[in-house]
């Protein structure tokens, strides 16, 4: 499918509503290039010092279908990639998966920001295959909770020193976190 085309969800995909805190069409801070960034609504991690605590309440935000989000994402031919952030995207993994699949089908790279660490996600995916599928459609994972005690403005793509920028395909192949090179 070419960018700018109309997206029709496949029958095996879901197109239920997800709670969205906001969307940024041309972010330059959530990964390389012009990013279509979806800030999911709802986060059970609730990190002290979070830059976006308004996203914590799952009942906040705006309900949108994955199809609506995909249509917006594909409307800009300058978009280099999709970033799923939060809130906590893993709490809406099925809906995020549908958007990630559409991004990949349109040659967009996919970044996911999560308060969980890669190893936790592998463990969680044993009982929730949707999490593994989302990982398989993710190029880069920025993992780990934001920690105010190790906050930094000097590291690219992350807010605290404990967070990692992970090459997901390489990490899945060896079942351990491998740093992404950017």
N, C-alpha and C. Protein backbone atom coordinates (compact mmCIF):
# COMPACT_ATOMS: atom_id res chain seq x y z
N UNK A 1 0.84 -1.17 0.00
CA UNK A 1 0.00 0.00 0.00
C UNK A 1 0.89 1.23 0.00
N UNK A 2 0.53 2.23 -0.75
CA UNK A 2 1.31 3.46 -0.84
C UNK A 2 0.80 4.47 0.17
N UNK A 3 1.72 5.31 0.65
CA UNK A 3 1.30 6.38 1.55
C UNK A 3 0.30 7.25 0.84
N UNK A 4 -0.67 7.73 1.59
CA UNK A 4 -1.72 8.55 1.02
C UNK A 4 -2.92 7.71 0.58
N UNK A 5 -2.74 6.39 0.56
CA UNK A 5 -3.84 5.51 0.17
C UNK A 5 -4.82 5.39 1.33
N UNK A 6 -6.01 4.98 1.02
CA UNK A 6 -7.02 4.76 2.05
C UNK A 6 -6.72 3.42 2.72
N UNK A 7 -6.73 3.41 4.04
CA UNK A 7 -6.45 2.19 4.77
C UNK A 7 -7.76 1.50 5.14
N UNK A 8 -7.86 0.24 4.84
CA UNK A 8 -8.99 -0.57 5.24
C UNK A 8 -8.47 -1.68 6.13
N UNK A 9 -8.95 -1.77 7.37
CA UNK A 9 -8.45 -2.81 8.27
C UNK A 9 -8.71 -4.20 7.70
N UNK A 10 -7.73 -5.09 7.88
CA UNK A 10 -7.91 -6.48 7.48
C UNK A 10 -8.87 -7.15 8.45
N UNK A 11 -9.56 -8.19 7.99
CA UNK A 11 -10.55 -8.86 8.84
C UNK A 11 -9.94 -9.40 10.12
N UNK A 12 -8.68 -9.88 10.05
CA UNK A 12 -8.09 -10.47 11.25
C UNK A 12 -7.59 -9.42 12.24
N UNK A 13 -7.61 -8.14 11.83
CA UNK A 13 -7.21 -7.06 12.73
C UNK A 13 -8.43 -6.51 13.45
N UNK A 14 -8.17 -5.90 14.58
CA UNK A 14 -9.25 -5.23 15.29
C UNK A 14 -9.27 -3.77 14.88
N UNK A 15 -10.38 -3.13 15.03
CA UNK A 15 -10.47 -1.70 14.80
C UNK A 15 -11.35 -1.08 15.88
N UNK A 16 -11.09 -1.50 17.12
CA UNK A 16 -11.84 -0.97 18.24
C UNK A 16 -11.27 0.39 18.64
N UNK A 17 -11.96 1.05 19.51
CA UNK A 17 -11.53 2.35 19.95
C UNK A 17 -10.37 2.24 20.93
N UNK A 18 -9.45 3.18 20.82
CA UNK A 18 -8.40 3.32 21.81
C UNK A 18 -8.48 4.73 22.36
N UNK A 19 -7.97 4.91 23.57
CA UNK A 19 -7.94 6.22 24.18
C UNK A 19 -6.64 6.90 23.79
N UNK A 20 -6.74 8.09 23.22
CA UNK A 20 -5.59 8.83 22.73
C UNK A 20 -5.49 10.16 23.47
N UNK A 21 -4.33 10.42 24.05
CA UNK A 21 -4.10 11.70 24.74
C UNK A 21 -3.82 12.81 23.73
N UNK A 22 -3.19 12.45 22.63
CA UNK A 22 -2.88 13.44 21.61
C UNK A 22 -2.07 12.85 20.48
N UNK A 23 -1.99 13.58 19.40
CA UNK A 23 -1.21 13.17 18.23
C UNK A 23 -0.39 14.38 17.78
N UNK A 24 0.87 14.12 17.45
CA UNK A 24 1.73 15.15 16.87
C UNK A 24 2.11 14.68 15.48
N UNK A 25 1.77 15.46 14.48
CA UNK A 25 2.00 15.07 13.08
C UNK A 25 3.47 15.06 12.69
N UNK A 26 4.26 16.04 13.15
CA UNK A 26 5.64 16.20 12.69
C UNK A 26 6.61 16.34 13.86
N UNK A 27 6.62 15.39 14.76
CA UNK A 27 7.53 15.46 15.89
C UNK A 27 8.97 15.21 15.43
N UNK A 28 9.90 15.96 16.00
CA UNK A 28 11.32 15.74 15.72
C UNK A 28 12.07 15.32 16.99
N UNK A 29 11.33 15.05 18.07
CA UNK A 29 11.96 14.68 19.34
C UNK A 29 11.65 13.25 19.78
N UNK A 30 10.83 12.54 19.04
CA UNK A 30 10.40 11.20 19.43
C UNK A 30 11.01 10.12 18.55
N UNK A 31 12.20 10.37 18.03
CA UNK A 31 12.88 9.46 17.12
C UNK A 31 13.40 10.27 15.95
N UNK A 32 14.11 9.63 15.03
CA UNK A 32 14.72 10.35 13.92
C UNK A 32 13.71 10.76 12.84
N UNK A 33 13.97 11.88 12.22
CA UNK A 33 13.12 12.34 11.12
C UNK A 33 11.82 12.94 11.62
N UNK A 34 10.88 13.08 10.68
CA UNK A 34 9.54 13.57 11.03
C UNK A 34 8.71 12.38 11.49
N UNK A 35 8.28 12.42 12.73
CA UNK A 35 7.55 11.31 13.34
C UNK A 35 6.07 11.64 13.45
N UNK A 36 5.24 10.67 13.19
CA UNK A 36 3.83 10.75 13.53
C UNK A 36 3.75 10.11 14.91
N UNK A 37 3.54 10.92 15.94
CA UNK A 37 3.58 10.42 17.31
C UNK A 37 2.19 10.35 17.90
N UNK A 38 1.84 9.16 18.39
CA UNK A 38 0.57 8.92 19.06
C UNK A 38 0.86 8.79 20.55
N UNK A 39 0.26 9.68 21.33
CA UNK A 39 0.37 9.60 22.79
C UNK A 39 -0.88 8.88 23.30
N UNK A 40 -0.69 7.65 23.73
CA UNK A 40 -1.81 6.87 24.24
C UNK A 40 -2.23 7.41 25.60
N UNK A 41 -3.48 7.19 25.92
CA UNK A 41 -4.03 7.63 27.20
C UNK A 41 -4.09 6.43 28.13
N UNK A 42 -3.62 6.61 29.34
CA UNK A 42 -3.65 5.56 30.35
C UNK A 42 -2.25 5.05 30.64
N UNK A 43 -1.87 5.12 31.92
CA UNK A 43 -0.56 4.60 32.32
C UNK A 43 -0.62 4.17 33.77
N UNK A 44 -0.32 2.89 33.99
CA UNK A 44 -0.29 2.38 35.35
C UNK A 44 1.08 2.51 36.00
N UNK A 45 2.08 2.98 35.25
CA UNK A 45 3.44 3.13 35.78
C UNK A 45 3.57 4.35 36.68
N UNK A 46 2.97 5.46 36.29
CA UNK A 46 2.89 6.69 37.08
C UNK A 46 4.24 7.10 37.68
N UNK A 47 5.21 7.30 36.82
CA UNK A 47 6.58 7.65 37.24
C UNK A 47 6.63 9.03 37.88
N UNK A 48 7.33 9.13 39.00
CA UNK A 48 7.54 10.42 39.63
C UNK A 48 8.29 11.33 38.66
N UNK A 49 7.77 12.54 38.47
CA UNK A 49 8.42 13.48 37.57
C UNK A 49 8.03 13.31 36.11
N UNK A 50 7.08 12.44 35.83
CA UNK A 50 6.60 12.22 34.46
C UNK A 50 6.29 13.56 33.80
N UNK A 51 6.71 13.71 32.54
CA UNK A 51 6.45 14.97 31.83
C UNK A 51 5.02 15.04 31.29
N UNK A 52 4.25 13.96 31.45
CA UNK A 52 2.92 13.93 30.87
C UNK A 52 1.91 13.23 31.80
N UNK A 53 1.80 13.66 33.07
CA UNK A 53 0.89 12.97 33.99
C UNK A 53 -0.58 13.04 33.60
N UNK A 54 -0.94 13.97 32.74
CA UNK A 54 -2.33 14.06 32.27
C UNK A 54 -2.73 12.82 31.47
N UNK A 55 -1.76 12.01 31.05
CA UNK A 55 -2.05 10.80 30.27
C UNK A 55 -2.32 9.58 31.16
N UNK A 56 -2.19 9.71 32.46
CA UNK A 56 -2.30 8.54 33.34
C UNK A 56 -3.71 7.94 33.38
N UNK A 57 -4.74 8.77 33.44
CA UNK A 57 -6.11 8.29 33.61
C UNK A 57 -6.62 7.69 32.29
N UNK A 58 -6.90 6.39 32.30
CA UNK A 58 -7.35 5.69 31.09
C UNK A 58 -8.69 6.24 30.58
N UNK A 59 -9.47 6.87 31.44
CA UNK A 59 -10.77 7.38 30.99
C UNK A 59 -10.65 8.78 30.38
N UNK A 60 -9.46 9.36 30.39
CA UNK A 60 -9.25 10.66 29.77
C UNK A 60 -8.99 10.53 28.28
N UNK A 61 -8.57 11.61 27.69
CA UNK A 61 -8.22 11.58 26.27
C UNK A 61 -9.43 11.53 25.36
N UNK A 62 -9.17 11.12 24.14
CA UNK A 62 -10.19 11.06 23.10
C UNK A 62 -10.24 9.66 22.51
N UNK A 63 -11.43 9.05 22.43
CA UNK A 63 -11.50 7.74 21.77
C UNK A 63 -11.34 7.90 20.26
N UNK A 64 -10.46 7.09 19.69
CA UNK A 64 -10.25 7.07 18.23
C UNK A 64 -10.07 5.62 17.81
N UNK A 65 -10.49 5.31 16.59
CA UNK A 65 -10.21 3.97 16.09
C UNK A 65 -8.81 3.95 15.51
N UNK A 66 -8.23 2.77 15.46
CA UNK A 66 -6.93 2.63 14.81
C UNK A 66 -7.03 3.10 13.36
N UNK A 67 -8.15 2.82 12.70
CA UNK A 67 -8.35 3.26 11.32
C UNK A 67 -8.27 4.77 11.17
N UNK A 68 -8.86 5.51 12.11
CA UNK A 68 -8.78 6.98 12.07
C UNK A 68 -7.34 7.45 12.24
N UNK A 69 -6.63 6.82 13.16
CA UNK A 69 -5.23 7.20 13.42
C UNK A 69 -4.38 6.89 12.19
N UNK A 70 -4.59 5.74 11.60
CA UNK A 70 -3.82 5.33 10.41
C UNK A 70 -4.07 6.29 9.25
N UNK A 71 -5.31 6.67 9.07
CA UNK A 71 -5.64 7.62 7.99
C UNK A 71 -4.87 8.92 8.19
N UNK A 72 -4.85 9.43 9.43
CA UNK A 72 -4.09 10.65 9.72
C UNK A 72 -2.60 10.44 9.47
N UNK A 73 -2.08 9.30 9.90
CA UNK A 73 -0.65 9.00 9.75
C UNK A 73 -0.26 8.98 8.28
N UNK A 74 -1.08 8.40 7.44
CA UNK A 74 -0.76 8.25 6.03
C UNK A 74 -1.05 9.50 5.21
N UNK A 75 -1.66 10.50 5.83
CA UNK A 75 -2.02 11.71 5.09
C UNK A 75 -0.83 12.62 4.81
N UNK A 76 0.28 12.43 5.51
CA UNK A 76 1.44 13.30 5.33
C UNK A 76 2.56 12.54 4.64
N UNK A 77 2.87 12.86 3.40
CA UNK A 77 3.91 12.13 2.66
C UNK A 77 5.32 12.38 3.19
N UNK A 78 5.50 13.34 4.09
CA UNK A 78 6.82 13.63 4.65
C UNK A 78 7.13 12.82 5.90
N UNK A 79 6.16 12.07 6.38
CA UNK A 79 6.35 11.29 7.60
C UNK A 79 7.39 10.19 7.39
N UNK A 80 8.38 10.15 8.29
CA UNK A 80 9.44 9.14 8.24
C UNK A 80 9.12 7.91 9.08
N UNK A 81 8.33 8.10 10.13
CA UNK A 81 8.07 6.97 11.01
C UNK A 81 6.95 7.25 11.99
N UNK A 82 6.57 6.19 12.67
CA UNK A 82 5.53 6.22 13.70
C UNK A 82 6.20 6.06 15.05
N UNK A 83 5.78 6.87 16.01
CA UNK A 83 6.20 6.69 17.40
C UNK A 83 4.96 6.51 18.25
N UNK A 84 4.94 5.44 19.03
CA UNK A 84 3.87 5.18 19.98
C UNK A 84 4.42 5.49 21.36
N UNK A 85 3.78 6.44 22.03
CA UNK A 85 4.25 6.89 23.33
C UNK A 85 3.08 6.94 24.28
N UNK A 86 3.22 7.65 25.35
CA UNK A 86 2.12 7.63 26.29
C UNK A 86 2.07 8.82 27.19
N UNK A 87 1.28 8.41 28.13
CA UNK A 87 0.72 7.20 28.65
C UNK A 87 1.64 5.99 28.49
N UNK A 88 0.99 4.85 28.40
CA UNK A 88 1.70 3.57 28.25
C UNK A 88 1.10 2.78 27.11
N UNK A 89 1.78 2.72 25.95
CA UNK A 89 1.23 2.02 24.79
C UNK A 89 0.95 0.53 25.04
N UNK A 90 1.69 -0.10 25.92
CA UNK A 90 1.49 -1.54 26.16
C UNK A 90 0.11 -1.80 26.76
N UNK A 91 -0.47 -0.82 27.44
CA UNK A 91 -1.82 -0.99 27.99
C UNK A 91 -2.88 -1.03 26.89
N UNK A 92 -2.54 -0.61 25.69
CA UNK A 92 -3.44 -0.68 24.55
C UNK A 92 -2.70 -1.36 23.39
N UNK A 93 -2.06 -2.46 23.71
CA UNK A 93 -1.17 -3.13 22.75
C UNK A 93 -1.89 -3.56 21.48
N UNK A 94 -3.10 -4.05 21.57
CA UNK A 94 -3.81 -4.53 20.37
C UNK A 94 -4.07 -3.40 19.39
N UNK A 95 -4.52 -2.27 19.89
CA UNK A 95 -4.80 -1.13 19.03
C UNK A 95 -3.50 -0.54 18.48
N UNK A 96 -2.47 -0.48 19.33
CA UNK A 96 -1.16 0.01 18.87
C UNK A 96 -0.59 -0.92 17.80
N UNK A 97 -0.83 -2.21 17.96
CA UNK A 97 -0.36 -3.18 16.97
C UNK A 97 -0.95 -2.88 15.60
N UNK A 98 -2.23 -2.60 15.54
CA UNK A 98 -2.85 -2.33 14.24
C UNK A 98 -2.22 -1.12 13.57
N UNK A 99 -1.93 -0.08 14.33
CA UNK A 99 -1.30 1.11 13.77
C UNK A 99 0.13 0.80 13.34
N UNK A 100 0.86 0.03 14.14
CA UNK A 100 2.23 -0.34 13.80
C UNK A 100 2.29 -1.18 12.53
N UNK A 101 1.37 -2.11 12.37
CA UNK A 101 1.33 -2.94 11.16
C UNK A 101 1.11 -2.05 9.93
N UNK A 102 0.19 -1.12 10.03
CA UNK A 102 -0.07 -0.22 8.90
C UNK A 102 1.16 0.64 8.59
N UNK A 103 1.84 1.08 9.63
CA UNK A 103 3.06 1.88 9.41
C UNK A 103 4.10 1.05 8.66
N UNK A 104 4.32 -0.16 9.11
CA UNK A 104 5.30 -1.03 8.45
C UNK A 104 4.91 -1.33 7.01
N UNK A 105 3.61 -1.55 6.76
CA UNK A 105 3.13 -1.81 5.40
C UNK A 105 3.39 -0.63 4.48
N UNK A 106 3.56 0.54 5.07
CA UNK A 106 3.80 1.76 4.30
C UNK A 106 5.23 2.25 4.44
N UNK A 107 6.13 1.32 4.76
CA UNK A 107 7.57 1.59 4.84
C UNK A 107 7.95 2.68 5.84
N UNK A 108 7.19 2.77 6.91
CA UNK A 108 7.53 3.68 8.01
C UNK A 108 8.16 2.85 9.13
N UNK A 109 9.21 3.38 9.75
CA UNK A 109 9.77 2.67 10.89
C UNK A 109 8.92 2.95 12.12
N UNK A 110 9.02 2.07 13.10
CA UNK A 110 8.16 2.15 14.28
C UNK A 110 9.02 2.19 15.54
N UNK A 111 8.79 3.20 16.36
CA UNK A 111 9.41 3.33 17.67
C UNK A 111 8.31 3.24 18.72
N UNK A 112 8.61 2.58 19.82
CA UNK A 112 7.67 2.49 20.95
C UNK A 112 8.39 2.93 22.21
N UNK A 113 7.79 3.86 22.93
CA UNK A 113 8.27 4.28 24.24
C UNK A 113 7.43 3.58 25.30
N UNK A 114 8.08 2.93 26.26
CA UNK A 114 7.37 2.22 27.30
C UNK A 114 8.08 2.33 28.64
N UNK A 115 7.30 2.30 29.70
CA UNK A 115 7.86 2.28 31.05
C UNK A 115 8.31 0.89 31.47
N UNK A 116 7.94 -0.11 30.70
CA UNK A 116 8.40 -1.49 30.97
C UNK A 116 9.78 -1.67 30.36
N UNK A 117 10.55 -2.60 30.89
CA UNK A 117 11.84 -2.91 30.27
C UNK A 117 11.64 -4.09 29.33
N UNK A 118 12.52 -4.22 28.36
CA UNK A 118 12.43 -5.25 27.34
C UNK A 118 12.23 -6.64 27.94
N UNK A 119 12.98 -6.95 28.98
CA UNK A 119 12.88 -8.28 29.60
C UNK A 119 11.49 -8.52 30.19
N UNK A 120 10.87 -7.49 30.77
CA UNK A 120 9.50 -7.61 31.28
C UNK A 120 8.53 -7.89 30.14
N UNK A 121 8.73 -7.19 29.02
CA UNK A 121 7.84 -7.38 27.88
C UNK A 121 7.95 -8.79 27.32
N UNK A 122 9.16 -9.34 27.29
CA UNK A 122 9.32 -10.73 26.85
C UNK A 122 8.55 -11.67 27.77
N UNK A 123 8.66 -11.44 29.06
CA UNK A 123 7.95 -12.27 30.03
C UNK A 123 6.43 -12.12 29.87
N UNK A 124 5.96 -10.89 29.72
CA UNK A 124 4.53 -10.63 29.55
C UNK A 124 4.01 -11.25 28.27
N UNK A 125 4.84 -11.29 27.23
CA UNK A 125 4.40 -11.82 25.93
C UNK A 125 4.14 -13.32 25.97
N UNK A 126 4.68 -14.01 26.97
CA UNK A 126 4.41 -15.44 27.10
C UNK A 126 2.93 -15.71 27.34
N UNK A 127 2.25 -14.80 28.03
CA UNK A 127 0.82 -14.98 28.28
C UNK A 127 -0.04 -14.03 27.44
N UNK A 128 0.60 -13.10 26.74
CA UNK A 128 -0.13 -12.16 25.90
C UNK A 128 0.58 -12.05 24.55
N UNK A 129 0.19 -12.87 23.57
CA UNK A 129 0.87 -12.87 22.28
C UNK A 129 0.76 -11.56 21.51
N UNK A 130 -0.18 -10.72 21.86
CA UNK A 130 -0.30 -9.43 21.18
C UNK A 130 0.93 -8.57 21.49
N UNK A 131 1.45 -8.67 22.71
CA UNK A 131 2.66 -7.91 23.06
C UNK A 131 3.82 -8.38 22.19
N UNK A 132 3.96 -9.68 22.00
CA UNK A 132 5.04 -10.17 21.14
C UNK A 132 4.85 -9.69 19.70
N UNK A 133 3.63 -9.71 19.24
CA UNK A 133 3.36 -9.25 17.88
C UNK A 133 3.69 -7.76 17.74
N UNK A 134 3.36 -6.96 18.75
CA UNK A 134 3.72 -5.54 18.71
C UNK A 134 5.24 -5.38 18.68
N UNK A 135 5.95 -6.17 19.49
CA UNK A 135 7.41 -6.12 19.46
C UNK A 135 7.95 -6.48 18.07
N UNK A 136 7.36 -7.48 17.44
CA UNK A 136 7.82 -7.90 16.12
C UNK A 136 7.57 -6.84 15.04
N UNK A 137 6.69 -5.89 15.32
CA UNK A 137 6.41 -4.80 14.39
C UNK A 137 7.04 -3.49 14.85
N UNK A 138 7.99 -3.60 15.78
CA UNK A 138 8.68 -2.43 16.33
C UNK A 138 10.14 -2.48 15.92
N UNK A 139 10.66 -1.37 15.44
CA UNK A 139 12.07 -1.27 15.09
C UNK A 139 12.92 -0.90 16.29
N UNK A 140 12.46 0.11 17.04
CA UNK A 140 13.22 0.59 18.19
C UNK A 140 12.28 0.73 19.39
N UNK A 141 12.77 0.25 20.53
CA UNK A 141 12.04 0.35 21.79
C UNK A 141 12.86 1.23 22.72
N UNK A 142 12.24 2.28 23.24
CA UNK A 142 12.86 3.07 24.30
C UNK A 142 12.19 2.58 25.57
N UNK A 143 12.96 1.85 26.38
CA UNK A 143 12.34 1.15 27.51
C UNK A 143 12.76 1.71 28.85
N UNK A 144 11.98 1.35 29.84
CA UNK A 144 12.28 1.69 31.23
C UNK A 144 11.47 2.86 31.73
N UNK A 145 11.18 2.83 33.02
CA UNK A 145 10.43 3.94 33.61
C UNK A 145 11.28 5.20 33.65
N UNK A 146 10.63 6.34 33.55
CA UNK A 146 11.35 7.59 33.78
C UNK A 146 11.71 7.63 35.26
N UNK A 147 12.97 7.93 35.54
CA UNK A 147 13.42 8.04 36.94
C UNK A 147 13.98 9.44 37.17
N UNK A 148 13.26 10.20 37.98
CA UNK A 148 13.62 11.57 38.25
C UNK A 148 15.04 11.69 38.81
N UNK A 149 15.47 10.71 39.60
CA UNK A 149 16.80 10.76 40.24
C UNK A 149 17.95 10.68 39.23
N UNK A 150 17.68 10.16 38.03
CA UNK A 150 18.72 10.07 37.00
C UNK A 150 18.28 10.78 35.72
N UNK A 151 17.45 11.81 35.88
CA UNK A 151 16.97 12.60 34.75
C UNK A 151 18.16 13.21 34.01
N UNK A 152 18.04 13.29 32.70
CA UNK A 152 19.10 13.89 31.90
C UNK A 152 18.52 14.55 30.67
N UNK A 153 19.18 15.58 30.24
CA UNK A 153 18.83 16.23 28.97
C UNK A 153 19.90 15.96 27.93
N UNK A 154 20.93 15.19 28.31
CA UNK A 154 22.08 14.99 27.43
C UNK A 154 21.99 13.73 26.57
N UNK A 155 21.07 12.84 26.85
CA UNK A 155 20.95 11.61 26.07
C UNK A 155 19.86 11.75 25.03
N UNK A 156 20.16 11.33 23.83
CA UNK A 156 19.19 11.40 22.73
C UNK A 156 18.05 10.43 22.97
N UNK A 157 16.84 10.88 22.73
CA UNK A 157 15.62 10.08 22.69
C UNK A 157 15.12 9.59 24.04
N UNK A 158 15.71 9.99 25.15
CA UNK A 158 15.24 9.50 26.45
C UNK A 158 15.38 10.57 27.51
N UNK A 159 14.66 10.37 28.61
CA UNK A 159 14.63 11.38 29.66
C UNK A 159 15.42 11.06 30.90
N UNK A 160 15.77 9.77 31.09
CA UNK A 160 16.58 9.41 32.25
C UNK A 160 17.61 8.35 31.86
N UNK A 161 18.70 8.33 32.61
CA UNK A 161 19.85 7.49 32.26
C UNK A 161 19.56 5.99 32.29
N UNK A 162 18.56 5.56 33.02
CA UNK A 162 18.23 4.13 33.09
C UNK A 162 17.54 3.62 31.82
N UNK A 163 16.97 4.52 31.03
CA UNK A 163 16.23 4.12 29.84
C UNK A 163 17.19 3.72 28.73
N UNK A 164 16.76 2.73 27.94
CA UNK A 164 17.60 2.21 26.86
C UNK A 164 16.91 2.42 25.52
N UNK A 165 17.72 2.58 24.48
CA UNK A 165 17.24 2.65 23.10
C UNK A 165 17.65 1.33 22.46
N UNK A 166 16.66 0.47 22.20
CA UNK A 166 16.92 -0.93 21.86
C UNK A 166 16.54 -1.24 20.41
N UNK A 167 17.41 -1.96 19.73
CA UNK A 167 17.14 -2.49 18.39
C UNK A 167 16.30 -3.76 18.60
N UNK A 168 15.02 -3.66 18.35
CA UNK A 168 14.11 -4.76 18.68
C UNK A 168 14.33 -6.00 17.82
N UNK A 169 14.46 -5.91 16.49
CA UNK A 169 14.69 -7.14 15.73
C UNK A 169 15.94 -7.91 16.19
N UNK A 170 17.04 -7.20 16.42
CA UNK A 170 18.25 -7.87 16.90
C UNK A 170 18.05 -8.45 18.30
N UNK A 171 17.34 -7.73 19.13
CA UNK A 171 17.08 -8.18 20.51
C UNK A 171 16.20 -9.42 20.54
N UNK A 172 15.18 -9.46 19.70
CA UNK A 172 14.32 -10.64 19.65
C UNK A 172 15.09 -11.86 19.16
N UNK A 173 16.01 -11.64 18.24
CA UNK A 173 16.79 -12.76 17.69
C UNK A 173 17.66 -13.43 18.74
N UNK A 174 18.19 -12.63 19.68
CA UNK A 174 19.08 -13.19 20.70
C UNK A 174 18.43 -13.25 22.08
N UNK A 175 17.17 -12.78 22.17
CA UNK A 175 16.38 -12.81 23.42
C UNK A 175 17.04 -12.02 24.55
N UNK A 176 17.76 -10.94 24.18
CA UNK A 176 18.29 -10.01 25.17
C UNK A 176 18.43 -8.65 24.50
N UNK A 177 18.41 -7.59 25.30
CA UNK A 177 18.43 -6.24 24.77
C UNK A 177 19.75 -5.92 24.07
N UNK A 178 19.62 -5.42 22.83
CA UNK A 178 20.76 -4.98 22.03
C UNK A 178 20.55 -3.49 21.73
N UNK A 179 21.55 -2.68 22.04
CA UNK A 179 21.44 -1.24 21.82
C UNK A 179 21.25 -0.92 20.35
N UNK A 180 20.36 0.04 20.10
CA UNK A 180 20.18 0.57 18.75
C UNK A 180 21.26 1.60 18.50
N UNK A 181 21.67 1.75 17.28
CA UNK A 181 22.69 2.73 16.93
C UNK A 181 22.01 3.87 16.20
N UNK A 182 22.04 5.06 16.83
CA UNK A 182 21.47 6.27 16.24
C UNK A 182 22.33 7.45 16.56
